Amino acid sequence: MNKAEFIKAFAEKANFTQKDAGIAFDAMAATIADVLKKGEKIQIAGFGTYEVKTRAAREGINPLTKAKVKIPACKVPNFKFGNSFKDIIQ
């Protein structure tokens, strides 16, 4: 399912127009990004947790030259589904 298909399905479930559902989706994504930029965590009961994790520096290999390269530490967004949401899927 791509973004357009998701917005269409969301609009039908929420009884929104597709335009309103698109605006709501974009606002939600922007809000999540803003909160994560601040280094804060978002916990939504029954759904999951968004947070920023730090990936440690490591050594990698360039697949073309087989030379070893240093990959610096970085921050990555992470999402973990809650147990009650996982139970719905199983």
N, C-alpha and C. Protein backbone atom coordinates (compact mmCIF):
# COMPACT_ATOMS: atom_id res chain seq x y z
N MET A 1 0.85 -1.17 0.00
CA MET A 1 0.00 0.00 0.00
C MET A 1 0.90 1.24 0.00
N ASN A 2 0.64 2.15 -0.92
CA ASN A 2 1.40 3.39 -0.95
C ASN A 2 0.65 4.49 -0.20
N LYS A 3 1.23 5.70 -0.16
CA LYS A 3 0.64 6.80 0.60
C LYS A 3 -0.77 7.15 0.11
N ALA A 4 -0.97 7.23 -1.18
CA ALA A 4 -2.28 7.59 -1.73
C ALA A 4 -3.34 6.55 -1.37
N GLU A 5 -2.98 5.27 -1.46
CA GLU A 5 -3.91 4.21 -1.10
C GLU A 5 -4.23 4.25 0.40
N PHE A 6 -3.20 4.53 1.20
CA PHE A 6 -3.41 4.64 2.65
C PHE A 6 -4.35 5.78 2.98
N ILE A 7 -4.13 6.93 2.37
CA ILE A 7 -4.97 8.10 2.63
C ILE A 7 -6.42 7.82 2.21
N LYS A 8 -6.59 7.14 1.10
CA LYS A 8 -7.95 6.80 0.65
C LYS A 8 -8.64 5.89 1.67
N ALA A 9 -7.94 4.86 2.14
CA ALA A 9 -8.51 3.93 3.12
C ALA A 9 -8.78 4.65 4.45
N PHE A 10 -7.87 5.51 4.85
CA PHE A 10 -8.03 6.29 6.08
C PHE A 10 -9.24 7.20 5.98
N ALA A 11 -9.41 7.85 4.85
CA ALA A 11 -10.54 8.75 4.64
C ALA A 11 -11.86 8.00 4.74
N GLU A 12 -11.91 6.81 4.18
CA GLU A 12 -13.14 6.01 4.23
C GLU A 12 -13.47 5.59 5.66
N LYS A 13 -12.45 5.16 6.43
CA LYS A 13 -12.69 4.72 7.81
C LYS A 13 -13.09 5.88 8.71
N ALA A 14 -12.47 7.05 8.51
CA ALA A 14 -12.71 8.20 9.39
C ALA A 14 -13.86 9.07 8.89
N ASN A 15 -14.43 8.73 7.75
CA ASN A 15 -15.49 9.53 7.14
C ASN A 15 -15.01 10.96 6.84
N PHE A 16 -13.77 11.05 6.33
CA PHE A 16 -13.16 12.33 5.90
C PHE A 16 -13.16 12.36 4.39
N THR A 17 -12.96 13.55 3.85
CA THR A 17 -12.65 13.63 2.42
C THR A 17 -11.20 13.20 2.27
N GLN A 18 -10.81 12.82 1.07
CA GLN A 18 -9.42 12.43 0.85
C GLN A 18 -8.49 13.61 1.09
N LYS A 19 -8.95 14.81 0.76
CA LYS A 19 -8.13 16.00 0.98
C LYS A 19 -7.88 16.21 2.47
N ASP A 20 -8.95 16.09 3.28
CA ASP A 20 -8.80 16.26 4.72
C ASP A 20 -7.93 15.16 5.33
N ALA A 21 -8.09 13.94 4.85
CA ALA A 21 -7.27 12.84 5.34
C ALA A 21 -5.80 13.06 5.00
N GLY A 22 -5.54 13.58 3.80
CA GLY A 22 -4.16 13.90 3.40
C GLY A 22 -3.56 14.97 4.28
N ILE A 23 -4.35 16.00 4.59
CA ILE A 23 -3.88 17.08 5.47
C ILE A 23 -3.59 16.52 6.87
N ALA A 24 -4.48 15.68 7.37
CA ALA A 24 -4.29 15.08 8.70
C ALA A 24 -3.04 14.20 8.73
N PHE A 25 -2.84 13.41 7.68
CA PHE A 25 -1.67 12.54 7.62
C PHE A 25 -0.39 13.36 7.58
N ASP A 26 -0.35 14.38 6.74
CA ASP A 26 0.85 15.23 6.64
C ASP A 26 1.13 15.94 7.96
N ALA A 27 0.07 16.40 8.66
CA ALA A 27 0.24 17.07 9.95
C ALA A 27 0.79 16.09 10.98
N MET A 28 0.28 14.86 10.97
CA MET A 28 0.77 13.85 11.91
C MET A 28 2.25 13.54 11.66
N ALA A 29 2.62 13.35 10.40
CA ALA A 29 4.01 13.04 10.06
C ALA A 29 4.93 14.20 10.44
N ALA A 30 4.50 15.44 10.20
CA ALA A 30 5.31 16.61 10.54
C ALA A 30 5.45 16.74 12.06
N THR A 31 4.40 16.47 12.80
CA THR A 31 4.45 16.55 14.26
C THR A 31 5.39 15.50 14.82
N ILE A 32 5.32 14.29 14.31
CA ILE A 32 6.24 13.23 14.75
C ILE A 32 7.68 13.64 14.48
N ALA A 33 7.95 14.16 13.29
CA ALA A 33 9.30 14.59 12.94
C ALA A 33 9.79 15.70 13.86
N ASP A 34 8.93 16.67 14.16
CA ASP A 34 9.31 17.79 15.04
C ASP A 34 9.65 17.30 16.44
N VAL A 35 8.84 16.39 16.97
CA VAL A 35 9.08 15.87 18.32
C VAL A 35 10.38 15.06 18.35
N LEU A 36 10.61 14.23 17.34
CA LEU A 36 11.83 13.43 17.30
C LEU A 36 13.07 14.31 17.12
N LYS A 37 12.95 15.42 16.37
CA LYS A 37 14.08 16.34 16.21
C LYS A 37 14.52 16.91 17.54
N LYS A 38 13.55 17.11 18.44
CA LYS A 38 13.85 17.64 19.78
C LYS A 38 14.48 16.58 20.68
N GLY A 39 14.53 15.35 20.21
CA GLY A 39 15.09 14.26 21.00
C GLY A 39 14.10 13.64 21.96
N GLU A 40 12.83 13.96 21.80
CA GLU A 40 11.80 13.42 22.67
C GLU A 40 11.25 12.11 22.11
N LYS A 41 10.53 11.40 22.96
CA LYS A 41 9.95 10.10 22.62
C LYS A 41 8.43 10.26 22.56
N ILE A 42 7.77 9.55 21.65
CA ILE A 42 6.31 9.57 21.55
C ILE A 42 5.80 8.17 21.85
N GLN A 43 4.97 8.05 22.89
CA GLN A 43 4.36 6.76 23.22
C GLN A 43 2.85 6.89 23.02
N ILE A 44 2.32 6.07 22.14
CA ILE A 44 0.89 6.05 21.88
C ILE A 44 0.36 4.71 22.38
N ALA A 45 -0.40 4.75 23.47
CA ALA A 45 -0.91 3.52 24.09
C ALA A 45 -1.73 2.73 23.07
N GLY A 46 -1.47 1.44 23.02
CA GLY A 46 -2.20 0.57 22.12
C GLY A 46 -1.70 0.59 20.69
N PHE A 47 -0.69 1.42 20.41
CA PHE A 47 -0.16 1.50 19.05
C PHE A 47 1.33 1.24 19.03
N GLY A 48 2.12 2.14 19.64
CA GLY A 48 3.56 1.95 19.63
C GLY A 48 4.32 3.15 20.12
N THR A 49 5.65 3.08 19.94
CA THR A 49 6.56 4.12 20.42
C THR A 49 7.50 4.56 19.31
N TYR A 50 7.57 5.88 19.13
CA TYR A 50 8.54 6.49 18.22
C TYR A 50 9.67 7.05 19.08
N GLU A 51 10.91 6.83 18.67
CA GLU A 51 12.04 7.42 19.38
C GLU A 51 13.24 7.51 18.44
N VAL A 52 14.24 8.27 18.89
CA VAL A 52 15.47 8.39 18.13
C VAL A 52 16.52 7.54 18.82
N LYS A 53 17.17 6.68 18.07
CA LYS A 53 18.24 5.84 18.62
C LYS A 53 19.56 6.27 17.99
N THR A 54 20.62 6.07 18.75
CA THR A 54 21.95 6.40 18.25
C THR A 54 22.61 5.12 17.75
N ARG A 55 23.03 5.16 16.52
CA ARG A 55 23.73 4.02 15.92
C ARG A 55 25.22 4.27 16.13
N ALA A 56 25.92 3.32 16.72
CA ALA A 56 27.34 3.48 17.03
C ALA A 56 28.19 3.53 15.76
N ALA A 57 29.34 4.17 15.89
CA ALA A 57 30.30 4.18 14.77
C ALA A 57 30.77 2.75 14.54
N ARG A 58 31.02 2.43 13.29
CA ARG A 58 31.44 1.07 12.97
C ARG A 58 32.30 1.08 11.71
N GLU A 59 32.85 -0.06 11.42
CA GLU A 59 33.68 -0.18 10.23
C GLU A 59 32.90 -0.99 9.19
N GLY A 60 32.87 -0.48 7.97
CA GLY A 60 32.19 -1.17 6.89
C GLY A 60 33.16 -1.47 5.77
N ILE A 61 32.65 -2.10 4.72
CA ILE A 61 33.48 -2.44 3.56
C ILE A 61 32.80 -1.89 2.31
N ASN A 62 33.55 -1.15 1.51
CA ASN A 62 33.05 -0.66 0.24
C ASN A 62 32.91 -1.87 -0.68
N PRO A 63 31.69 -2.16 -1.17
CA PRO A 63 31.52 -3.38 -1.97
C PRO A 63 32.24 -3.34 -3.32
N LEU A 64 32.53 -2.16 -3.83
CA LEU A 64 33.23 -2.08 -5.12
C LEU A 64 34.72 -2.30 -4.98
N THR A 65 35.33 -1.63 -4.00
CA THR A 65 36.79 -1.68 -3.86
C THR A 65 37.25 -2.65 -2.78
N LYS A 66 36.33 -3.12 -1.97
CA LYS A 66 36.62 -3.99 -0.83
C LYS A 66 37.48 -3.30 0.22
N ALA A 67 37.60 -1.99 0.12
CA ALA A 67 38.37 -1.22 1.11
C ALA A 67 37.52 -1.00 2.35
N LYS A 68 38.18 -1.00 3.51
CA LYS A 68 37.49 -0.75 4.77
C LYS A 68 37.24 0.75 4.90
N VAL A 69 36.04 1.11 5.35
CA VAL A 69 35.70 2.51 5.56
C VAL A 69 35.10 2.67 6.95
N LYS A 70 35.34 3.83 7.53
CA LYS A 70 34.76 4.12 8.84
C LYS A 70 33.40 4.77 8.64
N ILE A 71 32.39 4.22 9.29
CA ILE A 71 31.04 4.78 9.23
C ILE A 71 30.81 5.49 10.55
N PRO A 72 30.57 6.81 10.51
CA PRO A 72 30.43 7.55 11.77
C PRO A 72 29.12 7.23 12.49
N ALA A 73 29.10 7.53 13.77
CA ALA A 73 27.88 7.36 14.56
C ALA A 73 26.81 8.29 14.01
N CYS A 74 25.55 7.90 14.12
CA CYS A 74 24.46 8.74 13.64
C CYS A 74 23.20 8.45 14.43
N LYS A 75 22.23 9.33 14.29
CA LYS A 75 20.94 9.15 14.95
C LYS A 75 19.94 8.68 13.89
N VAL A 76 19.11 7.71 14.26
CA VAL A 76 18.12 7.17 13.34
C VAL A 76 16.75 7.10 14.02
N PRO A 77 15.66 7.39 13.29
CA PRO A 77 14.34 7.25 13.88
C PRO A 77 13.99 5.77 14.01
N ASN A 78 13.23 5.45 15.05
CA ASN A 78 12.87 4.06 15.29
C ASN A 78 11.41 4.00 15.74
N PHE A 79 10.71 2.96 15.30
CA PHE A 79 9.34 2.75 15.74
C PHE A 79 9.20 1.31 16.21
N LYS A 80 8.57 1.14 17.37
CA LYS A 80 8.32 -0.20 17.90
C LYS A 80 6.83 -0.32 18.19
N PHE A 81 6.19 -1.32 17.58
CA PHE A 81 4.77 -1.54 17.82
C PHE A 81 4.54 -2.01 19.24
N GLY A 82 3.43 -1.60 19.82
CA GLY A 82 3.04 -2.05 21.15
C GLY A 82 2.48 -3.47 21.09
N ASN A 83 2.49 -4.14 22.25
CA ASN A 83 2.02 -5.53 22.30
C ASN A 83 0.56 -5.68 21.91
N SER A 84 -0.29 -4.74 22.31
CA SER A 84 -1.71 -4.87 21.98
C SER A 84 -1.93 -4.74 20.47
N PHE A 85 -1.10 -3.92 19.80
CA PHE A 85 -1.21 -3.80 18.35
C PHE A 85 -0.69 -5.08 17.68
N LYS A 86 0.39 -5.62 18.22
CA LYS A 86 0.94 -6.86 17.68
C LYS A 86 -0.08 -7.99 17.77
N ASP A 87 -0.84 -8.02 18.89
CA ASP A 87 -1.85 -9.06 19.09
C ASP A 87 -2.95 -9.00 18.03
N ILE A 88 -3.26 -7.81 17.52
CA ILE A 88 -4.28 -7.67 16.48
C ILE A 88 -3.84 -8.36 15.20
N ILE A 89 -2.57 -8.28 14.89
CA ILE A 89 -2.02 -8.82 13.65
C ILE A 89 -1.95 -10.34 13.70
N GLN A 90 -1.69 -10.91 14.85
CA GLN A 90 -1.49 -12.37 14.95
C GLN A 90 -2.75 -13.13 14.93
